[in-house]
Amino acid sequence: MTSTGKHQAKRLIKRPSREHIKAAMKSENEEFSVQVRSEDAKEAFTAFLEKRKPDFTRAAKSTAAV
C-alpha cells in the first residue's frame, strides 16, 4: 500500500467517528442552551453573584406559580 493509500484508508476509518462526534457536540450544545436558561440555572447564577447558597425550592415555586 502506498503512502497516499494509507492516508486515504485512515481518513475513511476516522470519518464516521468524526461525524458522530460532531453530531454529539451539536446535540450537547442544544441541550446546554436549554438548561442554561432554566429557572435552576438562573437561581444558581444569581446566588453566585449574591455570594449565597442557591435556593432551588424558590425557583421551583416560581415555576409552579406560572
N, C-alpha and C. Protein backbone atom coordinates (compact mmCIF):
# COMPACT_ATOMS: atom_id res chain seq x y z
N MET A 1 0.86 -1.18 0.00
CA MET A 1 0.00 0.00 0.00
C MET A 1 0.91 1.23 0.00
N THR A 2 0.56 2.18 -0.83
CA THR A 2 1.36 3.40 -0.91
C THR A 2 1.04 4.32 0.26
N SER A 3 1.89 5.29 0.43
CA SER A 3 1.70 6.27 1.49
C SER A 3 0.36 6.99 1.33
N THR A 4 0.02 7.35 0.10
CA THR A 4 -1.25 8.02 -0.17
C THR A 4 -2.42 7.09 0.16
N GLY A 5 -2.27 5.83 -0.17
CA GLY A 5 -3.31 4.84 0.12
C GLY A 5 -3.54 4.70 1.62
N LYS A 6 -2.46 4.73 2.39
CA LYS A 6 -2.58 4.64 3.85
C LYS A 6 -3.33 5.85 4.41
N HIS A 7 -2.99 7.01 3.90
CA HIS A 7 -3.66 8.23 4.37
C HIS A 7 -5.14 8.20 4.03
N GLN A 8 -5.46 7.74 2.84
CA GLN A 8 -6.88 7.67 2.45
C GLN A 8 -7.62 6.65 3.31
N ALA A 9 -6.98 5.52 3.57
CA ALA A 9 -7.62 4.49 4.39
C ALA A 9 -7.87 5.01 5.81
N LYS A 10 -6.89 5.70 6.38
CA LYS A 10 -7.06 6.26 7.72
C LYS A 10 -8.19 7.30 7.75
N ARG A 11 -8.24 8.13 6.72
CA ARG A 11 -9.28 9.14 6.64
C ARG A 11 -10.66 8.50 6.59
N LEU A 12 -10.78 7.43 5.80
CA LEU A 12 -12.07 6.74 5.69
C LEU A 12 -12.46 6.07 7.00
N ILE A 13 -11.47 5.56 7.72
CA ILE A 13 -11.76 4.91 9.01
C ILE A 13 -12.19 5.95 10.04
N LYS A 14 -11.56 7.12 10.03
CA LYS A 14 -11.85 8.14 11.04
C LYS A 14 -13.11 8.95 10.75
N ARG A 15 -13.54 8.99 9.51
CA ARG A 15 -14.67 9.83 9.12
C ARG A 15 -15.94 9.54 9.94
N PRO A 16 -16.37 8.30 10.07
CA PRO A 16 -17.60 8.06 10.84
C PRO A 16 -17.51 8.55 12.29
N SER A 17 -16.36 8.36 12.93
CA SER A 17 -16.26 8.81 14.32
C SER A 17 -16.26 10.32 14.40
N ARG A 18 -15.64 11.00 13.43
CA ARG A 18 -15.67 12.46 13.41
C ARG A 18 -17.10 12.97 13.24
N GLU A 19 -17.84 12.34 12.34
CA GLU A 19 -19.22 12.75 12.12
C GLU A 19 -20.07 12.49 13.37
N HIS A 20 -19.81 11.38 14.03
CA HIS A 20 -20.53 11.05 15.26
C HIS A 20 -20.20 12.08 16.35
N ILE A 21 -18.95 12.45 16.46
CA ILE A 21 -18.53 13.44 17.46
C ILE A 21 -19.18 14.79 17.16
N LYS A 22 -19.21 15.19 15.90
CA LYS A 22 -19.83 16.46 15.54
C LYS A 22 -21.32 16.45 15.89
N ALA A 23 -21.99 15.36 15.60
CA ALA A 23 -23.43 15.25 15.92
C ALA A 23 -23.64 15.28 17.43
N ALA A 24 -22.78 14.59 18.17
CA ALA A 24 -22.90 14.57 19.63
C ALA A 24 -22.65 15.96 20.21
N MET A 25 -21.67 16.67 19.67
CA MET A 25 -21.38 18.03 20.15
C MET A 25 -22.55 18.97 19.86
N LYS A 26 -23.15 18.83 18.69
CA LYS A 26 -24.30 19.67 18.34
C LYS A 26 -25.46 19.41 19.30
N SER A 27 -25.71 18.14 19.57
CA SER A 27 -26.77 17.76 20.48
C SER A 27 -26.50 18.28 21.89
N GLU A 28 -25.26 18.15 22.34
CA GLU A 28 -24.88 18.64 23.66
C GLU A 28 -25.04 20.16 23.75
N ASN A 29 -24.63 20.88 22.72
CA ASN A 29 -24.77 22.34 22.72
C ASN A 29 -26.23 22.76 22.77
N GLU A 30 -27.09 22.05 22.04
CA GLU A 30 -28.52 22.37 22.06
C GLU A 30 -29.10 22.15 23.45
N GLU A 31 -28.75 21.03 24.07
CA GLU A 31 -29.26 20.73 25.42
C GLU A 31 -28.72 21.73 26.44
N PHE A 32 -27.44 22.09 26.32
CA PHE A 32 -26.85 23.05 27.25
C PHE A 32 -27.57 24.40 27.15
N SER A 33 -27.87 24.84 25.93
CA SER A 33 -28.54 26.13 25.78
C SER A 33 -29.93 26.12 26.40
N VAL A 34 -30.60 24.98 26.39
CA VAL A 34 -31.90 24.86 27.06
C VAL A 34 -31.71 24.89 28.58
N GLN A 35 -30.75 24.12 29.07
CA GLN A 35 -30.54 24.03 30.52
C GLN A 35 -30.05 25.33 31.12
N VAL A 36 -29.21 26.06 30.42
CA VAL A 36 -28.65 27.29 30.97
C VAL A 36 -29.72 28.37 31.11
N ARG A 37 -30.84 28.21 30.43
CA ARG A 37 -31.95 29.16 30.54
C ARG A 37 -33.00 28.73 31.57
N SER A 38 -32.76 27.61 32.23
CA SER A 38 -33.75 27.09 33.19
C SER A 38 -33.80 27.95 34.45
N GLU A 39 -34.87 27.79 35.20
CA GLU A 39 -35.03 28.52 36.46
C GLU A 39 -33.92 28.14 37.45
N ASP A 40 -33.55 26.86 37.48
CA ASP A 40 -32.47 26.44 38.37
C ASP A 40 -31.15 27.11 38.02
N ALA A 41 -30.87 27.24 36.74
CA ALA A 41 -29.64 27.90 36.32
C ALA A 41 -29.67 29.38 36.69
N LYS A 42 -30.80 30.01 36.48
CA LYS A 42 -30.93 31.43 36.85
C LYS A 42 -30.71 31.61 38.34
N GLU A 43 -31.30 30.74 39.14
CA GLU A 43 -31.12 30.81 40.59
C GLU A 43 -29.66 30.57 40.96
N ALA A 44 -29.01 29.61 40.32
CA ALA A 44 -27.61 29.32 40.62
C ALA A 44 -26.72 30.52 40.29
N PHE A 45 -26.92 31.12 39.13
CA PHE A 45 -26.12 32.28 38.74
C PHE A 45 -26.37 33.47 39.67
N THR A 46 -27.64 33.71 40.01
CA THR A 46 -27.97 34.82 40.90
C THR A 46 -27.36 34.60 42.28
N ALA A 47 -27.49 33.38 42.80
CA ALA A 47 -26.92 33.07 44.11
C ALA A 47 -25.40 33.25 44.10
N PHE A 48 -24.77 32.84 43.04
CA PHE A 48 -23.32 33.01 42.93
C PHE A 48 -22.94 34.48 42.97
N LEU A 49 -23.63 35.29 42.20
CA LEU A 49 -23.33 36.73 42.16
C LEU A 49 -23.63 37.41 43.50
N GLU A 50 -24.65 36.91 44.21
CA GLU A 50 -25.01 37.47 45.50
C GLU A 50 -24.24 36.82 46.65
N LYS A 51 -23.35 35.90 46.31
CA LYS A 51 -22.50 35.19 47.28
C LYS A 51 -23.32 34.52 48.37
N ARG A 52 -24.33 33.76 47.91
CA ARG A 52 -25.17 33.00 48.84
C ARG A 52 -25.40 31.61 48.26
N LYS A 53 -25.91 30.72 49.10
CA LYS A 53 -26.24 29.38 48.62
C LYS A 53 -27.52 29.46 47.79
N PRO A 54 -27.58 28.70 46.71
CA PRO A 54 -28.80 28.73 45.89
C PRO A 54 -29.97 28.07 46.61
N ASP A 55 -31.14 28.60 46.41
CA ASP A 55 -32.38 28.05 46.96
C ASP A 55 -33.22 27.56 45.80
N PHE A 56 -33.02 26.30 45.44
CA PHE A 56 -33.71 25.75 44.28
C PHE A 56 -35.19 25.52 44.54
N THR A 57 -35.61 25.47 45.80
CA THR A 57 -37.04 25.33 46.07
C THR A 57 -37.76 26.61 45.68
N ARG A 58 -37.10 27.77 45.84
CA ARG A 58 -37.70 29.05 45.45
C ARG A 58 -37.91 29.08 43.93
N ALA A 59 -36.92 28.59 43.19
CA ALA A 59 -37.04 28.56 41.73
C ALA A 59 -38.17 27.62 41.31
N ALA A 60 -38.31 26.49 42.01
CA ALA A 60 -39.37 25.54 41.69
C ALA A 60 -40.74 26.13 42.00
N LYS A 61 -40.85 26.91 43.08
CA LYS A 61 -42.13 27.53 43.45
C LYS A 61 -42.55 28.56 42.41
N SER A 62 -41.59 29.36 41.93
CA SER A 62 -41.96 30.38 40.93
C SER A 62 -42.37 29.75 39.62
N THR A 63 -41.79 28.60 39.28
CA THR A 63 -42.17 27.88 38.06
C THR A 63 -43.57 27.28 38.23
N ALA A 64 -43.86 26.76 39.44
CA ALA A 64 -45.17 26.15 39.69
C ALA A 64 -46.28 27.21 39.68
N ALA A 65 -45.94 28.43 40.07
CA ALA A 65 -46.93 29.51 40.11
C ALA A 65 -47.33 29.98 38.72
N VAL A 66 -46.48 29.72 37.73
CA VAL A 66 -46.75 30.19 36.36
C VAL A 66 -47.70 29.31 35.69
